[in-house]
Protein backbone atom coordinates (compact mmCIF):
# COMPACT_ATOMS: atom_id res chain seq x y z
CA UNK A 1 94.77 124.45 153.52
CA UNK A 2 97.78 123.10 155.36
CA UNK A 3 101.29 122.13 153.78
CA UNK A 4 100.64 118.37 154.08
CA UNK A 5 97.17 118.57 152.25
CA UNK A 6 98.88 120.73 149.39
CA UNK A 7 102.04 118.33 148.96
CA UNK A 8 99.53 115.51 149.28
CA UNK A 9 97.16 117.12 146.26
CA UNK A 10 100.45 118.15 144.19
CA UNK A 11 101.60 114.40 144.47
CA UNK A 12 97.70 113.56 143.29
CA UNK A 13 98.03 115.89 140.59
CA UNK A 14 101.66 115.25 139.37
CA UNK A 15 101.62 111.02 139.82
CA UNK A 16 99.98 109.84 136.32
CA UNK A 17 101.92 112.47 134.29
CA UNK A 18 105.22 111.99 135.99
CA UNK A 19 104.70 107.76 135.76
CA UNK A 20 103.76 108.07 132.38
CA UNK A 21 107.04 110.14 131.58
CA UNK A 22 109.03 107.79 133.51
CA UNK A 23 107.90 104.74 131.34
CA UNK A 24 108.48 106.31 128.06
CA UNK A 25 111.87 107.38 129.07
CA UNK A 26 112.61 103.64 130.46
CA UNK A 27 110.76 102.15 127.42
CA UNK A 28 112.03 104.10 124.71
CA UNK A 29 114.55 101.64 123.26
CA UNK A 30 112.58 98.37 123.41
CA UNK A 31 109.33 100.60 121.64
CA UNK A 32 112.02 102.01 118.98
CA UNK A 33 112.92 97.88 118.57
CA UNK A 34 109.31 96.85 117.98
CA UNK A 35 108.86 99.25 115.36
CA UNK A 36 110.25 97.69 112.40
CA UNK A 37 108.09 94.48 113.73
CA UNK A 38 104.75 96.36 112.77
CA UNK A 39 102.75 94.90 110.73
CA UNK A 40 100.56 97.98 109.65
CA UNK A 41 100.45 101.04 111.20
CA UNK A 42 97.80 103.98 110.15
CA UNK A 43 97.38 107.46 111.32
CA UNK A 44 95.42 109.80 109.51
CA UNK A 45 97.07 109.60 106.12
CA UNK A 46 100.02 107.59 106.63
CA UNK A 47 100.04 103.80 106.03
CA UNK A 48 103.20 101.76 106.58
CA UNK A 49 101.86 98.28 105.88
CA UNK A 50 102.45 98.73 102.20
CA UNK A 51 105.82 100.06 101.98
CA UNK A 52 107.34 97.62 104.26
CA UNK A 53 106.09 95.03 101.95
CA UNK A 54 107.53 96.51 98.96
CA UNK A 55 110.91 96.99 100.63
CA UNK A 56 110.93 93.35 101.81
CA UNK A 57 109.46 92.45 97.85
CA UNK A 58 112.31 94.47 96.33
CA UNK A 59 115.18 92.80 98.69
CA UNK A 60 113.90 89.48 97.66
CA UNK A 61 114.06 90.58 94.03
CA UNK A 62 117.52 91.89 94.47
CA UNK A 63 118.49 88.72 96.08
CA UNK A 64 117.22 86.92 92.97
CA UNK A 65 119.52 88.86 90.60
CA UNK A 66 122.39 88.27 92.36
CA UNK A 67 121.74 84.82 92.78
CA UNK A 68 121.57 84.32 89.21
CA UNK A 69 124.41 86.94 88.38
CA UNK A 70 122.35 89.59 86.56
CA UNK A 71 122.28 93.24 87.59
CA UNK A 72 119.92 94.44 89.86
CA UNK A 73 116.45 95.78 88.78
CA UNK A 74 116.80 99.62 87.84
CA UNK A 75 114.63 102.25 87.15
CA UNK A 76 116.33 102.84 83.86
CA UNK A 77 114.62 99.57 82.58
CA UNK A 78 111.33 100.33 83.73
CA UNK A 79 108.84 101.87 81.37
CA UNK A 80 108.76 105.72 81.36
CA UNK A 81 104.75 106.02 81.12
CA UNK A 82 104.48 103.86 84.23
CA UNK A 83 106.75 106.07 86.10
CA UNK A 84 105.33 109.19 85.14
CA UNK A 85 101.80 107.84 86.00
CA UNK A 86 103.12 107.47 89.68
CA UNK A 87 103.47 111.46 90.08
CA UNK A 88 99.54 111.54 89.42
CA UNK A 89 98.32 108.33 91.02
CA UNK A 90 100.17 105.89 92.65
CA UNK A 91 97.33 103.41 92.67
CA UNK A 92 96.78 103.61 89.14
CA UNK A 93 100.28 102.86 88.55
CA UNK A 94 100.31 99.99 90.58
CA UNK A 95 97.31 98.67 88.93
CA UNK A 96 98.75 99.32 85.03
CA UNK A 97 102.22 97.80 86.14
CA UNK A 98 100.48 94.62 87.77
CA UNK A 99 98.54 94.60 84.18
CA UNK A 100 102.04 94.41 82.49
CA UNK A 101 102.96 91.38 84.45
CA UNK A 102 99.38 89.88 83.96
CA UNK A 103 99.32 90.43 80.29
CA UNK A 104 103.03 89.23 79.64
CA UNK A 105 101.81 86.16 81.57
CA UNK A 106 98.92 85.49 79.54
CA UNK A 107 100.60 85.78 76.54
CA UNK A 108 103.21 83.30 77.38
CA UNK A 109 100.83 80.90 78.89
CA UNK A 110 98.35 80.99 76.00
CA UNK A 111 101.34 80.58 73.53
CA UNK A 112 101.67 77.07 75.32
CA UNK A 113 98.18 76.29 74.12
CA UNK A 114 98.86 77.74 70.67
CA UNK A 115 95.87 79.79 71.31
CA UNK A 116 95.46 83.66 71.37
CA UNK A 117 95.62 85.36 74.51
CA UNK A 118 92.01 85.52 76.28
CA UNK A 119 90.15 86.09 79.21
CA UNK A 120 90.51 82.39 80.29
CA UNK A 121 94.33 82.73 81.25
CA UNK A 122 93.64 86.04 82.71
CA UNK A 123 91.12 84.61 85.16
CA UNK A 124 93.36 81.89 86.30
CA UNK A 125 93.98 82.12 89.92
CA UNK A 126 97.34 79.75 89.50
CA UNK A 127 98.82 81.58 86.49
CA UNK A 128 101.80 81.86 88.27
CA UNK A 129 101.99 78.39 89.09
CA UNK A 130 101.39 77.56 85.69
CA UNK A 131 104.62 79.68 84.39
CA UNK A 132 106.56 77.56 87.17
CA UNK A 133 104.88 74.35 85.45
CA UNK A 134 106.16 75.28 82.08
CA UNK A 135 109.69 76.83 83.56
CA UNK A 136 109.02 80.34 82.54
CA UNK A 137 109.83 81.25 86.00
CA UNK A 138 111.40 79.46 89.27
CA UNK A 139 110.30 79.07 92.65
CA UNK A 140 111.50 82.79 93.57
CA UNK A 141 110.23 84.58 91.06
CA UNK A 142 106.71 82.52 91.84
CA UNK A 143 106.73 84.43 95.34
CA UNK A 144 107.77 87.63 93.56
CA UNK A 145 104.46 87.24 91.31
CA UNK A 146 102.37 86.27 93.79
CA UNK A 147 103.26 89.06 96.18
CA UNK A 148 102.84 91.57 93.48
CA UNK A 149 99.73 90.24 93.07
CA UNK A 150 98.73 90.67 96.85
CA UNK A 151 99.99 93.83 96.81
CA UNK A 152 98.09 95.11 93.98
CA UNK A 153 94.88 93.64 95.35
CA UNK A 154 95.75 95.34 98.46
CA UNK A 155 95.80 98.90 96.23
CA UNK A 156 92.85 98.15 94.35
CA UNK A 157 90.71 97.36 97.32
CA UNK A 158 91.68 99.21 100.13
CA UNK A 159 89.26 102.66 100.88
CA UNK A 160 92.20 104.73 101.84
CA UNK A 161 95.56 103.94 100.95
CA UNK A 162 98.04 107.10 100.42
CA UNK A 163 101.25 105.41 99.11
CA UNK A 164 104.67 107.54 98.74
CA UNK A 165 105.74 107.88 95.49
CA UNK A 166 109.39 106.01 96.39
CA UNK A 167 107.06 102.88 97.29
CA UNK A 168 104.73 102.98 94.08
CA UNK A 169 107.97 103.31 92.01
CA UNK A 170 109.61 100.13 93.36
CA UNK A 171 106.44 98.38 92.69
CA UNK A 172 106.66 99.56 89.28
CA UNK A 173 109.95 98.30 88.79
CA UNK A 174 109.63 94.56 90.21
CA UNK A 175 106.57 94.63 88.25
CA UNK A 176 108.20 95.74 85.00
CA UNK A 177 111.30 93.74 85.53
CA UNK A 178 109.23 90.54 86.25
CA UNK A 179 107.00 91.33 83.33
CA UNK A 180 110.12 91.52 80.98
CA UNK A 181 111.97 88.03 82.24
CA UNK A 182 108.33 86.62 81.65
CA UNK A 183 108.32 87.89 77.98
CA UNK A 184 111.95 86.94 77.29
CA UNK A 185 111.39 83.14 78.70
């Protein structure tokens, strides 16, 4: 093998890896800026979609509390049994937290009809809108209510869902605060 053949073979072998490295170096900053915009990222047991939505929901709830001049939701106001449940099963804690919101909603909605809480209200698809009509919650709280329901449905129906305890705690905290507000209305 002569020198020119050796150099051309060396260039062939190094061309694609070198190109890939150059692209990564050149595009590193734009790629890093795009990461927060991802709706869902799943790699092995890591799932980012739920975490992002819980963070957005938490920020929305804090904005609502600030707007009304109330304290931001805190872990201290969350029932300890739900927080303890997070360490055993994040999915179960989310389901139980949603049941707390749902039972508070059903109890208040049925009280307007002078009836005891039953399955009719529980299965009512527009329970949040009914609470809005009755002035139990406002538009922003309705948005939180609907997002909590959507996240609960994701947690209930996803086959593989590995949530961090912090995300589950945030969900439980938000759900408990909304349930408390609905009961006190």
